[in-house]
Amino acid sequence: MNFNHGQIKNIVNYDQADKIRRALIMTAVPAEREAVLRGLKNDRRADVMLAGVGPVSAAVKTVKILSAANDKYDLVVCLGIGGGFPGKAEVGSLVAANEIIAADLGVETSVGFSSLDELGFGCTRIRVEASLLKDLQETLLAANLPLQIGPVLTVSTVTGTVESAAALVGRVPEAAAEAMEGYGVALAARELGLPILELRAVSNLVGPRDRASWRIKEALEVLEAASSVLLEVLA
């Protein structure tokens, strides 16, 4: 069951003529934060904070930081590792979100899943502004980093079976990656009127849970490399 694109209006405008001075970067866990900090090399244009694991923690902590920042930030970025959907994003690649989707926010019915959108209770998709995404894409490709563009799904339970993976692809056929914090960070940014980016380094494929096949070290290295050029979008 697909989401209704016509209902999506949650997008913060970004104008290249507007000067973005400073970014708030949110990561879920310390290992991600440390990789990002290594890449940034003490660049003073960004603060890197911990969001915690899951969309609720991410939303609460991000909005708390932004509310206390007194208009300090011009951009919010959710950075971390995640799972890539087979055939869409391979292990060791990067996925930049064009949409950040709360993929399991809704209800199960006898005929399948219904999203919050379809129920008429809200919106589960937050789109990334096209010109900001284009800047990020050009920056990463110029650095010869492997990049895919596509929706990144936010889930509260990491996918661990073929059946669960198939259900997500059924809802969002174009999905490129899965993680746990993006929608929470994006929702907080939207509430404060700030543009959002989400970038994931793929450590594993979405599907049966096989920790032995995960490549977390390699994904963190790709995340570090991406972080080393990320703030060129602030130029």
Protein backbone atom coordinates (compact mmCIF):
# COMPACT_ATOMS: atom_id res chain seq x y z
CA MET A 1 0.00 0.00 0.00
CA ASN A 2 1.62 3.25 -1.14
CA PHE A 3 1.57 6.63 0.52
CA ASN A 4 -0.36 9.45 -1.12
CA HIS A 5 2.18 11.90 -2.50
CA GLY A 6 -0.55 14.49 -2.99
CA GLN A 7 -0.88 14.91 0.76
CA ILE A 8 2.77 15.87 1.26
CA LYS A 9 3.27 19.55 2.00
CA ASN A 10 5.87 19.39 4.78
CA ILE A 11 8.91 21.06 3.29
CA VAL A 12 11.05 23.93 4.50
CA ASN A 13 12.17 26.22 1.69
CA TYR A 14 15.88 26.64 1.07
CA ASP A 15 17.20 29.39 -1.14
CA GLN A 16 20.79 29.27 -2.37
CA ALA A 17 20.87 33.03 -2.02
CA ASP A 18 20.32 32.64 1.72
CA LYS A 19 23.53 32.32 3.68
CA ILE A 20 23.64 29.20 5.82
CA ARG A 21 26.17 29.88 8.55
CA ARG A 22 25.97 27.03 11.00
CA ALA A 23 24.64 23.47 11.18
CA LEU A 24 23.36 21.26 13.96
CA ILE A 25 24.33 17.64 13.27
CA MET A 26 22.47 14.90 15.15
CA THR A 27 23.79 11.35 15.45
CA ALA A 28 22.20 8.48 17.34
CA VAL A 29 25.17 6.95 19.18
CA PRO A 30 28.70 7.97 20.24
CA ALA A 31 30.47 5.89 17.55
CA GLU A 32 28.66 7.86 14.83
CA ARG A 33 29.36 11.17 16.56
CA GLU A 34 33.06 10.35 16.84
CA ALA A 35 33.26 9.45 13.13
CA VAL A 36 31.56 12.72 12.18
CA LEU A 37 33.87 14.74 14.45
CA ARG A 38 36.93 13.09 12.91
CA GLY A 39 35.67 14.08 9.49
CA LEU A 40 34.86 17.67 10.48
CA LYS A 41 38.30 18.22 12.00
CA ASN A 42 37.18 20.89 14.46
CA ASP A 43 35.20 22.85 11.89
CA ARG A 44 33.47 25.51 13.97
CA ARG A 45 30.52 25.77 11.60
CA ALA A 46 28.83 22.71 13.10
CA ASP A 47 27.88 21.27 16.46
CA VAL A 48 27.53 17.49 16.67
CA MET A 49 25.06 16.23 19.27
CA LEU A 50 23.60 12.89 20.34
CA ALA A 51 19.96 12.23 19.48
CA GLY A 52 19.71 8.84 21.13
CA VAL A 53 18.16 5.82 19.45
CA GLY A 54 14.71 5.98 17.89
CA PRO A 55 12.44 8.74 16.57
CA VAL A 56 10.99 9.83 19.91
CA SER A 57 14.36 10.42 21.58
CA ALA A 58 15.64 12.09 18.41
CA ALA A 59 12.70 14.48 18.22
CA VAL A 60 12.82 15.42 21.90
CA LYS A 61 16.56 16.01 22.02
CA THR A 62 16.69 17.89 18.72
CA VAL A 63 13.84 20.26 19.57
CA LYS A 64 15.35 20.86 23.01
CA ILE A 65 18.69 21.85 21.49
CA LEU A 66 17.11 24.02 18.81
CA SER A 67 14.77 25.76 21.23
CA ALA A 68 17.69 26.74 23.46
CA ALA A 69 19.94 27.78 20.58
CA ASN A 70 18.47 31.27 20.05
CA ASP A 71 18.53 31.05 16.24
CA LYS A 72 22.10 29.77 16.26
CA TYR A 73 21.53 27.21 13.50
CA ASP A 74 20.50 27.52 9.87
CA LEU A 75 20.49 23.83 8.94
CA VAL A 76 19.84 20.53 10.71
CA VAL A 77 21.50 17.30 9.53
CA CYS A 78 20.75 13.76 10.67
CA LEU A 79 23.90 11.68 10.13
CA GLY A 80 24.61 8.05 10.86
CA ILE A 81 24.76 4.51 9.58
CA GLY A 82 21.79 2.44 8.48
CA GLY A 83 20.52 -0.42 6.39
CA GLY A 84 20.30 -0.28 2.62
CA PHE A 85 17.53 -1.91 0.62
CA PRO A 86 18.91 -4.58 -1.75
CA GLY A 87 19.23 -3.30 -5.28
CA LYS A 88 18.90 0.31 -4.10
CA ALA A 89 21.91 0.96 -1.85
CA GLU A 90 24.78 -1.42 -1.29
CA VAL A 91 26.96 -1.82 1.78
CA GLY A 92 29.65 0.88 1.91
CA SER A 93 27.61 3.42 -0.04
CA LEU A 94 25.88 6.59 1.11
CA VAL A 95 22.18 7.40 0.88
CA ALA A 96 20.99 11.00 0.93
CA ALA A 97 17.30 11.28 1.67
CA ASN A 98 15.00 13.10 -0.71
CA GLU A 99 12.16 12.17 1.66
CA ILE A 100 12.29 11.21 5.32
CA ILE A 101 9.44 8.82 6.05
CA ALA A 102 7.98 7.45 9.28
CA ALA A 103 7.35 4.10 7.64
CA ASP A 104 5.61 2.27 10.47
CA LEU A 105 3.44 5.11 11.79
CA GLY A 106 -0.11 3.99 11.18
CA VAL A 107 -2.34 0.99 11.79
CA GLU A 108 -2.52 -2.61 10.68
CA THR A 109 -5.85 -3.71 9.26
CA SER A 110 -7.24 -6.98 7.92
CA VAL A 111 -6.32 -5.83 4.42
CA GLY A 112 -2.89 -4.37 5.16
CA PHE A 113 -1.17 -1.32 6.55
CA SER A 114 -2.71 2.17 6.55
CA SER A 115 -0.45 5.16 7.11
CA LEU A 116 -1.22 8.16 9.26
CA ASP A 117 -1.73 10.06 6.00
CA GLU A 118 -4.39 7.66 4.77
CA LEU A 119 -6.15 7.83 8.12
CA GLY A 120 -6.25 11.61 7.89
CA PHE A 121 -4.37 12.15 11.16
CA GLY A 122 -1.17 13.76 9.90
CA CYS A 123 1.76 13.37 7.53
CA THR A 124 4.45 10.72 7.68
CA ARG A 125 6.69 12.21 4.98
CA ILE A 126 9.01 15.19 5.17
CA ARG A 127 10.64 16.14 1.89
CA VAL A 128 14.14 17.53 1.61
CA GLU A 129 14.26 20.72 -0.45
CA ALA A 130 15.58 19.94 -3.93
CA SER A 131 18.22 22.66 -4.22
CA LEU A 132 19.73 21.79 -0.83
CA LEU A 133 19.82 18.10 -1.78
CA LYS A 134 21.44 19.03 -5.11
CA ASP A 135 24.19 20.91 -3.27
CA LEU A 136 24.83 17.87 -1.07
CA GLN A 137 24.82 15.50 -4.03
CA GLU A 138 27.32 17.59 -5.97
CA THR A 139 29.57 17.89 -2.93
CA LEU A 140 29.66 14.15 -2.25
CA LEU A 141 30.06 13.10 -5.88
CA ALA A 142 32.91 15.60 -6.32
CA ALA A 143 34.63 13.81 -3.44
CA ASN A 144 34.18 10.48 -5.30
CA LEU A 145 31.91 9.06 -2.62
CA PRO A 146 29.35 6.39 -3.65
CA LEU A 147 25.94 8.01 -3.35
CA GLN A 148 22.33 7.08 -3.90
CA ILE A 149 19.37 9.45 -3.59
CA GLY A 150 16.07 8.14 -2.30
CA PRO A 151 13.66 7.95 0.61
CA VAL A 152 15.13 6.99 3.97
CA LEU A 153 12.62 5.19 6.15
CA THR A 154 12.44 5.82 9.89
CA VAL A 155 11.33 2.76 11.84
CA SER A 156 10.96 2.08 15.54
CA THR A 157 11.88 -1.59 15.08
CA VAL A 158 14.83 -2.48 12.85
CA THR A 159 13.80 -4.86 10.09
CA GLY A 160 14.98 -8.43 10.68
CA THR A 161 13.04 -10.70 8.32
CA VAL A 162 12.37 -11.09 4.62
CA GLU A 163 8.66 -10.59 5.27
CA SER A 164 9.16 -7.31 7.13
CA ALA A 165 11.49 -5.99 4.44
CA ALA A 166 8.98 -6.89 1.74
CA ALA A 167 6.20 -5.13 3.65
CA LEU A 168 8.23 -1.90 3.80
CA VAL A 169 9.05 -2.07 0.10
CA GLY A 170 5.36 -2.66 -0.57
CA ARG A 171 4.52 0.59 1.24
CA VAL A 172 7.40 2.62 -0.19
CA PRO A 173 8.70 0.89 -3.35
CA GLU A 174 11.38 3.53 -3.92
CA ALA A 175 12.87 3.23 -0.41
CA ALA A 176 16.68 3.29 -0.41
CA ALA A 177 17.61 2.97 3.26
CA GLU A 178 16.27 2.36 6.75
CA ALA A 179 17.28 3.94 10.06
CA MET A 180 15.64 4.98 13.34
CA GLU A 181 16.06 8.71 13.93
CA GLY A 182 15.56 10.73 10.75
CA TYR A 183 11.86 11.49 11.04
CA GLY A 184 12.24 12.63 14.66
CA VAL A 185 15.09 14.98 13.81
CA ALA A 186 13.28 16.24 10.71
CA LEU A 187 10.05 16.85 12.61
CA ALA A 188 11.91 18.95 15.19
CA ALA A 189 13.66 20.93 12.46
CA ARG A 190 10.37 21.55 10.67
CA GLU A 191 8.74 22.80 13.87
CA LEU A 192 11.54 25.36 14.23
CA GLY A 193 11.39 26.33 10.54
CA LEU A 194 14.81 24.93 9.60
CA PRO A 195 15.85 22.94 6.52
CA ILE A 196 16.84 19.30 7.04
CA LEU A 197 19.20 16.77 5.49
CA GLU A 198 19.55 13.08 6.28
CA LEU A 199 22.61 11.14 5.17
CA ARG A 200 23.21 7.45 5.92
CA ALA A 201 26.27 5.26 5.41
CA VAL A 202 25.08 1.72 4.67
CA SER A 203 26.43 -0.90 7.06
CA ASN A 204 24.09 -3.78 6.13
CA LEU A 205 21.27 -4.77 3.84
CA VAL A 206 17.68 -4.56 5.03
CA GLY A 207 16.29 -8.05 5.57
CA PRO A 208 17.18 -11.07 7.70
CA ARG A 209 19.19 -9.97 10.74
CA ASP A 210 22.73 -11.29 10.30
CA ARG A 211 25.17 -9.41 12.49
CA ALA A 212 28.11 -11.33 11.04
CA SER A 213 27.52 -9.70 7.66
CA TRP A 214 27.35 -6.13 8.97
CA ARG A 215 30.20 -3.80 8.03
CA ILE A 216 29.93 -1.17 10.74
CA LYS A 217 33.60 -0.20 10.69
CA GLU A 218 33.52 0.38 6.93
CA ALA A 219 30.27 2.35 7.19
CA LEU A 220 31.75 4.59 9.88
CA GLU A 221 34.76 5.22 7.64
CA VAL A 222 32.44 6.29 4.80
CA LEU A 223 30.52 8.48 7.26
CA GLU A 224 33.79 10.12 8.32
CA ALA A 225 34.74 10.75 4.68
CA ALA A 226 31.35 12.29 3.95
CA SER A 227 31.61 14.49 7.04
CA SER A 228 34.94 15.86 5.84
CA VAL A 229 33.22 17.59 2.90
CA LEU A 230 29.68 17.94 4.23
CA LEU A 231 29.94 21.57 5.29
CA GLU A 232 30.71 22.67 1.75
CA VAL A 233 26.93 22.94 1.47
CA LEU A 234 27.27 25.91 3.86
CA ALA A 235 29.39 27.87 1.38
